[in-house]
N, C-alpha and C. Protein backbone atom coordinates (compact mmCIF):
# COMPACT_ATOMS: atom_id res chain seq x y z
N MET A 1 1.72 -190.00 -67.20
CA MET A 1 3.05 -190.50 -67.43
C MET A 1 3.81 -189.53 -68.33
N GLN A 2 5.03 -189.22 -67.94
CA GLN A 2 5.83 -188.27 -68.69
C GLN A 2 6.58 -188.97 -69.81
N GLN A 3 6.67 -188.28 -70.94
CA GLN A 3 7.48 -188.79 -72.03
C GLN A 3 8.90 -188.29 -71.85
N THR A 4 9.86 -189.18 -72.05
CA THR A 4 11.25 -188.81 -71.90
C THR A 4 12.06 -189.28 -73.10
N ILE A 5 13.16 -188.60 -73.32
CA ILE A 5 14.12 -188.98 -74.35
C ILE A 5 15.48 -189.06 -73.66
N THR A 6 16.15 -190.18 -73.82
CA THR A 6 17.47 -190.33 -73.22
C THR A 6 18.46 -189.39 -73.89
N LYS A 7 19.30 -188.76 -73.07
CA LYS A 7 20.30 -187.85 -73.63
C LYS A 7 21.51 -188.68 -74.07
N ASN A 8 21.66 -188.80 -75.38
CA ASN A 8 22.84 -189.43 -75.96
C ASN A 8 23.11 -188.75 -77.30
N PRO A 9 24.29 -188.93 -77.87
CA PRO A 9 24.62 -188.23 -79.12
C PRO A 9 23.67 -188.55 -80.27
N GLU A 10 23.18 -189.79 -80.34
CA GLU A 10 22.28 -190.17 -81.43
C GLU A 10 20.96 -189.41 -81.35
N ASN A 11 20.40 -189.32 -80.13
CA ASN A 11 19.12 -188.61 -79.98
C ASN A 11 19.28 -187.11 -80.19
N LEU A 12 20.39 -186.54 -79.75
CA LEU A 12 20.63 -185.12 -80.02
C LEU A 12 20.76 -184.87 -81.51
N GLU A 13 21.41 -185.80 -82.22
CA GLU A 13 21.53 -185.67 -83.68
C GLU A 13 20.16 -185.74 -84.35
N ILE A 14 19.29 -186.60 -83.85
CA ILE A 14 17.94 -186.70 -84.42
C ILE A 14 17.17 -185.41 -84.18
N LEU A 15 17.31 -184.82 -82.99
CA LEU A 15 16.64 -183.54 -82.71
C LEU A 15 17.16 -182.46 -83.66
N TYR A 16 18.47 -182.44 -83.90
CA TYR A 16 19.04 -181.48 -84.86
C TYR A 16 18.46 -181.72 -86.26
N LYS A 17 18.30 -182.98 -86.64
CA LYS A 17 17.77 -183.30 -87.98
C LYS A 17 16.32 -182.87 -88.12
N LEU A 18 15.54 -182.95 -87.04
CA LEU A 18 14.15 -182.50 -87.11
C LEU A 18 14.09 -181.01 -87.45
N VAL A 19 15.05 -180.24 -86.91
CA VAL A 19 15.10 -178.82 -87.22
C VAL A 19 15.67 -178.61 -88.63
N ALA A 20 16.74 -179.34 -88.94
CA ALA A 20 17.41 -179.14 -90.24
C ALA A 20 16.51 -179.54 -91.41
N ASN A 21 15.69 -180.56 -91.24
CA ASN A 21 14.81 -181.01 -92.32
C ASN A 21 13.53 -180.21 -92.43
N GLY A 22 13.34 -179.22 -91.57
CA GLY A 22 12.21 -178.31 -91.70
C GLY A 22 10.93 -178.74 -91.02
N PHE A 23 10.98 -179.78 -90.21
CA PHE A 23 9.77 -180.16 -89.50
C PHE A 23 9.48 -179.20 -88.35
N TYR A 24 10.54 -178.70 -87.74
CA TYR A 24 10.40 -177.79 -86.60
C TYR A 24 11.39 -176.64 -86.74
N GLN A 25 11.07 -175.54 -86.06
CA GLN A 25 11.99 -174.43 -85.88
C GLN A 25 12.31 -174.40 -84.40
N GLY A 26 13.50 -173.98 -84.06
CA GLY A 26 13.81 -173.88 -82.64
C GLY A 26 15.27 -174.12 -82.36
N SER A 27 15.55 -174.42 -81.09
CA SER A 27 16.93 -174.62 -80.66
C SER A 27 17.06 -175.94 -79.92
N VAL A 28 18.23 -176.56 -80.12
CA VAL A 28 18.56 -177.79 -79.42
C VAL A 28 19.89 -177.56 -78.72
N GLU A 29 19.89 -177.70 -77.41
CA GLU A 29 21.10 -177.54 -76.62
C GLU A 29 21.34 -178.82 -75.84
N SER A 30 22.45 -178.88 -75.13
CA SER A 30 22.78 -180.10 -74.40
C SER A 30 21.92 -180.27 -73.14
N THR A 31 21.31 -179.19 -72.65
CA THR A 31 20.50 -179.30 -71.43
C THR A 31 19.01 -179.10 -71.68
N LYS A 32 18.65 -178.58 -72.85
CA LYS A 32 17.23 -178.37 -73.15
C LYS A 32 17.03 -178.21 -74.65
N PHE A 33 15.79 -178.35 -75.06
CA PHE A 33 15.45 -178.02 -76.44
C PHE A 33 14.04 -177.44 -76.47
N GLU A 34 13.81 -176.61 -77.48
CA GLU A 34 12.50 -175.99 -77.67
C GLU A 34 12.22 -176.00 -79.17
N LEU A 35 11.16 -176.67 -79.56
CA LEU A 35 10.82 -176.82 -80.97
C LEU A 35 9.41 -176.32 -81.22
N VAL A 36 9.25 -175.55 -82.27
CA VAL A 36 7.94 -175.04 -82.68
C VAL A 36 7.65 -175.62 -84.06
N GLY A 37 6.51 -176.27 -84.20
CA GLY A 37 6.16 -176.90 -85.47
C GLY A 37 5.88 -175.90 -86.56
N LYS A 38 6.18 -176.30 -87.78
CA LYS A 38 5.91 -175.43 -88.94
C LYS A 38 4.42 -175.45 -89.29
N HIS A 39 3.69 -176.45 -88.81
CA HIS A 39 2.26 -176.52 -89.05
C HIS A 39 1.56 -175.51 -88.13
N SER A 40 0.35 -175.16 -88.44
CA SER A 40 -0.34 -174.12 -87.69
C SER A 40 -0.88 -174.67 -86.37
N THR A 41 -0.16 -174.41 -85.32
CA THR A 41 -0.59 -174.81 -83.99
C THR A 41 -0.06 -173.78 -82.99
N ASN A 42 -0.67 -173.69 -81.86
CA ASN A 42 -0.25 -172.72 -80.86
C ASN A 42 0.56 -173.37 -79.74
N TYR A 43 1.20 -174.50 -80.05
CA TYR A 43 1.95 -175.22 -79.04
C TYR A 43 3.38 -175.45 -79.48
N ARG A 44 4.27 -175.54 -78.51
CA ARG A 44 5.67 -175.82 -78.76
C ARG A 44 6.07 -177.05 -77.95
N ILE A 45 7.08 -177.75 -78.39
CA ILE A 45 7.60 -178.91 -77.69
C ILE A 45 8.83 -178.46 -76.91
N VAL A 46 8.82 -178.70 -75.61
CA VAL A 46 9.91 -178.30 -74.73
C VAL A 46 10.45 -179.53 -74.03
N GLY A 47 11.76 -179.68 -74.07
CA GLY A 47 12.42 -180.77 -73.35
C GLY A 47 13.47 -180.19 -72.41
N LYS A 48 13.40 -180.59 -71.15
CA LYS A 48 14.37 -180.13 -70.15
C LYS A 48 15.05 -181.34 -69.55
N LEU A 49 16.34 -181.22 -69.35
CA LEU A 49 17.13 -182.33 -68.82
C LEU A 49 16.82 -182.52 -67.34
N SER A 50 16.50 -183.75 -66.98
CA SER A 50 16.26 -184.08 -65.57
C SER A 50 17.55 -184.63 -64.97
N GLY A 51 17.51 -184.95 -63.71
CA GLY A 51 18.69 -185.48 -63.03
C GLY A 51 19.09 -186.85 -63.50
N LYS A 52 18.22 -187.53 -64.22
CA LYS A 52 18.50 -188.90 -64.66
C LYS A 52 19.06 -188.96 -66.07
N GLU A 53 19.60 -187.82 -66.56
CA GLU A 53 20.14 -187.75 -67.92
C GLU A 53 19.10 -188.09 -68.98
N LYS A 54 17.89 -187.63 -68.75
CA LYS A 54 16.80 -187.79 -69.72
C LYS A 54 16.11 -186.45 -69.89
N PHE A 55 15.69 -186.18 -71.12
CA PHE A 55 14.90 -185.00 -71.40
C PHE A 55 13.44 -185.32 -71.08
N VAL A 56 12.81 -184.51 -70.25
CA VAL A 56 11.38 -184.62 -70.00
C VAL A 56 10.69 -183.75 -71.05
N VAL A 57 9.85 -184.38 -71.89
CA VAL A 57 9.26 -183.70 -73.03
C VAL A 57 7.82 -183.31 -72.71
N LYS A 58 7.49 -182.03 -72.96
CA LYS A 58 6.14 -181.52 -72.74
C LYS A 58 5.72 -180.65 -73.91
N ALA A 59 4.44 -180.55 -74.10
CA ALA A 59 3.88 -179.61 -75.07
C ALA A 59 3.32 -178.45 -74.26
N GLU A 60 3.76 -177.24 -74.58
CA GLU A 60 3.31 -176.04 -73.87
C GLU A 60 2.76 -175.05 -74.88
N PRO A 61 1.82 -174.21 -74.46
CA PRO A 61 1.32 -173.19 -75.38
C PRO A 61 2.39 -172.14 -75.65
N LYS A 62 2.32 -171.55 -76.84
CA LYS A 62 3.20 -170.44 -77.15
C LYS A 62 2.87 -169.28 -76.23
N PHE A 63 3.78 -168.33 -76.12
CA PHE A 63 3.63 -167.23 -75.16
C PHE A 63 2.33 -166.46 -75.35
N SER A 64 2.02 -166.05 -76.57
CA SER A 64 0.83 -165.23 -76.80
C SER A 64 -0.45 -166.01 -76.48
N HIS A 65 -0.47 -167.28 -76.82
CA HIS A 65 -1.63 -168.12 -76.54
C HIS A 65 -1.79 -168.32 -75.04
N ASN A 66 -0.70 -168.48 -74.33
CA ASN A 66 -0.71 -168.68 -72.90
C ASN A 66 -1.28 -167.46 -72.18
N ILE A 67 -0.88 -166.27 -72.60
CA ILE A 67 -1.36 -165.02 -71.98
C ILE A 67 -2.86 -164.85 -72.22
N SER A 68 -3.31 -165.12 -73.45
CA SER A 68 -4.74 -164.94 -73.75
C SER A 68 -5.59 -165.94 -72.95
N GLN A 69 -5.08 -167.15 -72.73
CA GLN A 69 -5.82 -168.11 -71.91
C GLN A 69 -5.97 -167.61 -70.48
N LYS A 70 -4.90 -167.06 -69.94
CA LYS A 70 -4.96 -166.57 -68.56
C LYS A 70 -5.89 -165.37 -68.42
N ILE A 71 -5.89 -164.50 -69.41
CA ILE A 71 -6.79 -163.34 -69.37
C ILE A 71 -8.24 -163.79 -69.43
N MET A 72 -8.54 -164.73 -70.33
CA MET A 72 -9.92 -165.23 -70.44
C MET A 72 -10.35 -165.96 -69.17
N LEU A 73 -9.44 -166.69 -68.54
CA LEU A 73 -9.76 -167.37 -67.29
C LEU A 73 -10.09 -166.35 -66.20
N ALA A 74 -9.30 -165.30 -66.09
CA ALA A 74 -9.55 -164.27 -65.08
C ALA A 74 -10.88 -163.57 -65.34
N LEU A 75 -11.16 -163.24 -66.60
CA LEU A 75 -12.44 -162.59 -66.92
C LEU A 75 -13.62 -163.52 -66.63
N GLY A 76 -13.49 -164.80 -66.95
CA GLY A 76 -14.56 -165.75 -66.70
C GLY A 76 -14.85 -165.91 -65.22
N ILE A 77 -13.79 -166.03 -64.42
CA ILE A 77 -13.98 -166.17 -62.97
C ILE A 77 -14.60 -164.90 -62.39
N SER A 78 -14.14 -163.74 -62.83
CA SER A 78 -14.71 -162.47 -62.35
C SER A 78 -16.19 -162.36 -62.70
N ALA A 79 -16.53 -162.70 -63.94
CA ALA A 79 -17.93 -162.63 -64.36
C ALA A 79 -18.79 -163.60 -63.55
N CYS A 80 -18.27 -164.79 -63.31
CA CYS A 80 -19.03 -165.77 -62.53
C CYS A 80 -19.29 -165.27 -61.11
N LEU A 81 -18.26 -164.71 -60.48
CA LEU A 81 -18.43 -164.23 -59.12
C LEU A 81 -19.43 -163.08 -59.05
N ILE A 82 -19.35 -162.16 -59.97
CA ILE A 82 -20.28 -161.03 -59.99
C ILE A 82 -21.71 -161.52 -60.20
N LEU A 83 -21.90 -162.43 -61.14
CA LEU A 83 -23.24 -162.92 -61.42
C LEU A 83 -23.79 -163.80 -60.30
N LEU A 84 -22.91 -164.54 -59.61
CA LEU A 84 -23.38 -165.34 -58.48
C LEU A 84 -23.81 -164.45 -57.32
N VAL A 85 -23.12 -163.33 -57.12
CA VAL A 85 -23.51 -162.39 -56.08
C VAL A 85 -24.89 -161.81 -56.40
N LYS A 86 -25.17 -161.59 -57.69
CA LYS A 86 -26.47 -161.05 -58.10
C LYS A 86 -27.53 -162.15 -58.19
N ARG A 87 -27.17 -163.36 -57.79
CA ARG A 87 -28.07 -164.53 -57.75
C ARG A 87 -28.55 -164.96 -59.13
N ASN A 88 -27.67 -164.86 -60.07
CA ASN A 88 -27.94 -165.35 -61.42
C ASN A 88 -27.09 -166.60 -61.61
N TRP A 89 -27.73 -167.76 -61.77
CA TRP A 89 -27.01 -169.03 -61.81
C TRP A 89 -26.80 -169.57 -63.23
N ILE A 90 -27.60 -169.16 -64.16
CA ILE A 90 -27.55 -169.76 -65.50
C ILE A 90 -26.30 -169.33 -66.27
N ILE A 91 -25.99 -168.06 -66.27
CA ILE A 91 -24.82 -167.59 -67.03
C ILE A 91 -23.51 -168.14 -66.46
N PRO A 92 -23.30 -168.16 -65.11
CA PRO A 92 -22.07 -168.79 -64.60
C PRO A 92 -21.98 -170.27 -64.94
N LEU A 93 -23.12 -170.94 -64.98
CA LEU A 93 -23.13 -172.35 -65.36
C LEU A 93 -22.70 -172.51 -66.82
N LEU A 94 -23.20 -171.65 -67.69
CA LEU A 94 -22.80 -171.70 -69.10
C LEU A 94 -21.32 -171.36 -69.27
N ILE A 95 -20.84 -170.39 -68.50
CA ILE A 95 -19.41 -170.03 -68.56
C ILE A 95 -18.55 -171.20 -68.09
N ALA A 96 -18.98 -171.88 -67.04
CA ALA A 96 -18.23 -173.04 -66.53
C ALA A 96 -18.21 -174.17 -67.54
N ILE A 97 -19.33 -174.43 -68.19
CA ILE A 97 -19.38 -175.49 -69.21
C ILE A 97 -18.48 -175.14 -70.39
N THR A 98 -18.51 -173.88 -70.80
CA THR A 98 -17.65 -173.43 -71.89
C THR A 98 -16.17 -173.55 -71.50
N GLY A 99 -15.86 -173.21 -70.27
CA GLY A 99 -14.48 -173.32 -69.77
C GLY A 99 -14.00 -174.76 -69.75
N LEU A 100 -14.87 -175.68 -69.32
CA LEU A 100 -14.50 -177.10 -69.31
C LEU A 100 -14.30 -177.64 -70.72
N ALA A 101 -15.14 -177.19 -71.65
CA ALA A 101 -14.97 -177.61 -73.04
C ALA A 101 -13.67 -177.08 -73.62
N SER A 102 -13.33 -175.84 -73.27
CA SER A 102 -12.06 -175.25 -73.72
C SER A 102 -10.87 -176.00 -73.13
N LEU A 103 -10.96 -176.38 -71.86
CA LEU A 103 -9.90 -177.14 -71.21
C LEU A 103 -9.70 -178.50 -71.89
N ALA A 104 -10.81 -179.17 -72.21
CA ALA A 104 -10.72 -180.46 -72.89
C ALA A 104 -10.09 -180.31 -74.27
N THR A 105 -10.46 -179.27 -74.98
CA THR A 105 -9.88 -179.02 -76.30
C THR A 105 -8.39 -178.74 -76.20
N THR A 106 -7.99 -177.94 -75.21
CA THR A 106 -6.58 -177.62 -75.01
C THR A 106 -5.77 -178.88 -74.72
N ARG A 107 -6.27 -179.72 -73.84
CA ARG A 107 -5.56 -180.97 -73.52
C ARG A 107 -5.46 -181.88 -74.73
N SER A 108 -6.51 -181.92 -75.52
CA SER A 108 -6.51 -182.73 -76.72
C SER A 108 -5.46 -182.24 -77.72
N LYS A 109 -5.37 -180.92 -77.90
CA LYS A 109 -4.38 -180.35 -78.82
C LYS A 109 -2.96 -180.58 -78.33
N LYS A 110 -2.74 -180.46 -77.02
CA LYS A 110 -1.42 -180.73 -76.46
C LYS A 110 -1.00 -182.17 -76.73
N LYS A 111 -1.93 -183.09 -76.50
CA LYS A 111 -1.63 -184.50 -76.71
C LYS A 111 -1.36 -184.78 -78.19
N ARG A 112 -2.13 -184.17 -79.06
CA ARG A 112 -1.94 -184.36 -80.50
C ARG A 112 -0.57 -183.84 -80.95
N GLU A 113 -0.18 -182.68 -80.42
CA GLU A 113 1.12 -182.11 -80.78
C GLU A 113 2.27 -182.99 -80.26
N LEU A 114 2.12 -183.50 -79.05
CA LEU A 114 3.14 -184.37 -78.48
C LEU A 114 3.22 -185.69 -79.26
N ASP A 115 2.08 -186.22 -79.67
CA ASP A 115 2.06 -187.44 -80.48
C ASP A 115 2.70 -187.22 -81.84
N ARG A 116 2.45 -186.06 -82.44
CA ARG A 116 3.06 -185.74 -83.75
C ARG A 116 4.58 -185.69 -83.62
N PHE A 117 5.08 -185.06 -82.54
CA PHE A 117 6.52 -184.99 -82.32
C PHE A 117 7.09 -186.39 -82.10
N THR A 118 6.42 -187.18 -81.27
CA THR A 118 6.90 -188.53 -80.98
C THR A 118 6.97 -189.38 -82.24
N ASN A 119 5.95 -189.30 -83.08
CA ASN A 119 5.95 -190.07 -84.32
C ASN A 119 7.09 -189.67 -85.24
N ARG A 120 7.32 -188.37 -85.38
CA ARG A 120 8.43 -187.92 -86.24
C ARG A 120 9.77 -188.33 -85.65
N PHE A 121 9.91 -188.22 -84.34
CA PHE A 121 11.15 -188.62 -83.70
C PHE A 121 11.41 -190.11 -83.90
N LEU A 122 10.39 -190.92 -83.72
CA LEU A 122 10.54 -192.37 -83.90
C LEU A 122 10.81 -192.74 -85.35
N ASP A 123 10.25 -191.99 -86.30
CA ASP A 123 10.57 -192.23 -87.72
C ASP A 123 12.07 -192.03 -87.98
N PHE A 124 12.63 -190.98 -87.39
CA PHE A 124 14.06 -190.73 -87.56
C PHE A 124 14.89 -191.81 -86.85
N VAL A 125 14.41 -192.28 -85.69
CA VAL A 125 15.11 -193.36 -84.98
C VAL A 125 15.14 -194.61 -85.85
N LYS A 126 14.02 -194.93 -86.49
CA LYS A 126 13.96 -196.10 -87.37
C LYS A 126 14.90 -195.94 -88.56
N GLN A 127 14.94 -194.73 -89.14
CA GLN A 127 15.83 -194.49 -90.27
C GLN A 127 17.29 -194.65 -89.85
N GLU A 128 17.64 -194.14 -88.68
CA GLU A 128 19.01 -194.26 -88.20
C GLU A 128 19.34 -195.72 -87.91
N GLY A 129 18.39 -196.47 -87.38
CA GLY A 129 18.60 -197.89 -87.10
C GLY A 129 18.84 -198.68 -88.37
N SER A 130 18.11 -198.35 -89.44
CA SER A 130 18.30 -199.06 -90.69
C SER A 130 19.64 -198.72 -91.34
N LYS A 131 20.12 -197.47 -91.16
CA LYS A 131 21.43 -197.09 -91.68
C LYS A 131 22.53 -197.83 -90.95
N ILE A 132 22.35 -198.00 -89.64
CA ILE A 132 23.36 -198.71 -88.85
C ILE A 132 23.41 -200.17 -89.26
N CYS A 133 22.26 -200.77 -89.50
CA CYS A 133 22.22 -202.17 -89.91
C CYS A 133 22.84 -202.38 -91.28
N LEU A 134 22.67 -201.42 -92.20
CA LEU A 134 23.21 -201.56 -93.55
C LEU A 134 24.71 -201.35 -93.60
N ASN A 135 25.25 -200.54 -92.71
CA ASN A 135 26.70 -200.25 -92.75
C ASN A 135 27.49 -201.33 -92.15
């Protein structure tokens, strides 16, 4: 299930506040936003406007992390193919298990980063709601 944020002035203001208050660095535009957390992580939050006037929010790896993952994947597949041709089954099996563990870790980190963003966004929504009720 995709996480979405409705495009309205209040939500755009909250995205600006996330950057202004120092939780994230990045840019917020009317059609997309890209936020990188100040905490040490290799993921960024990207939102792109869909046809339904909603931002589809995803966590993606930073550029350098993304390239290193692809290089390691190519090297792992090449090593597996070479070793399978030489009829060695144990090392490709270990490489595959390591790759699956890495994939699980990557998915876990993406989910954690997306949850962190969602929690901060909802905290600001609650703060804005309480200000509206008080005024």
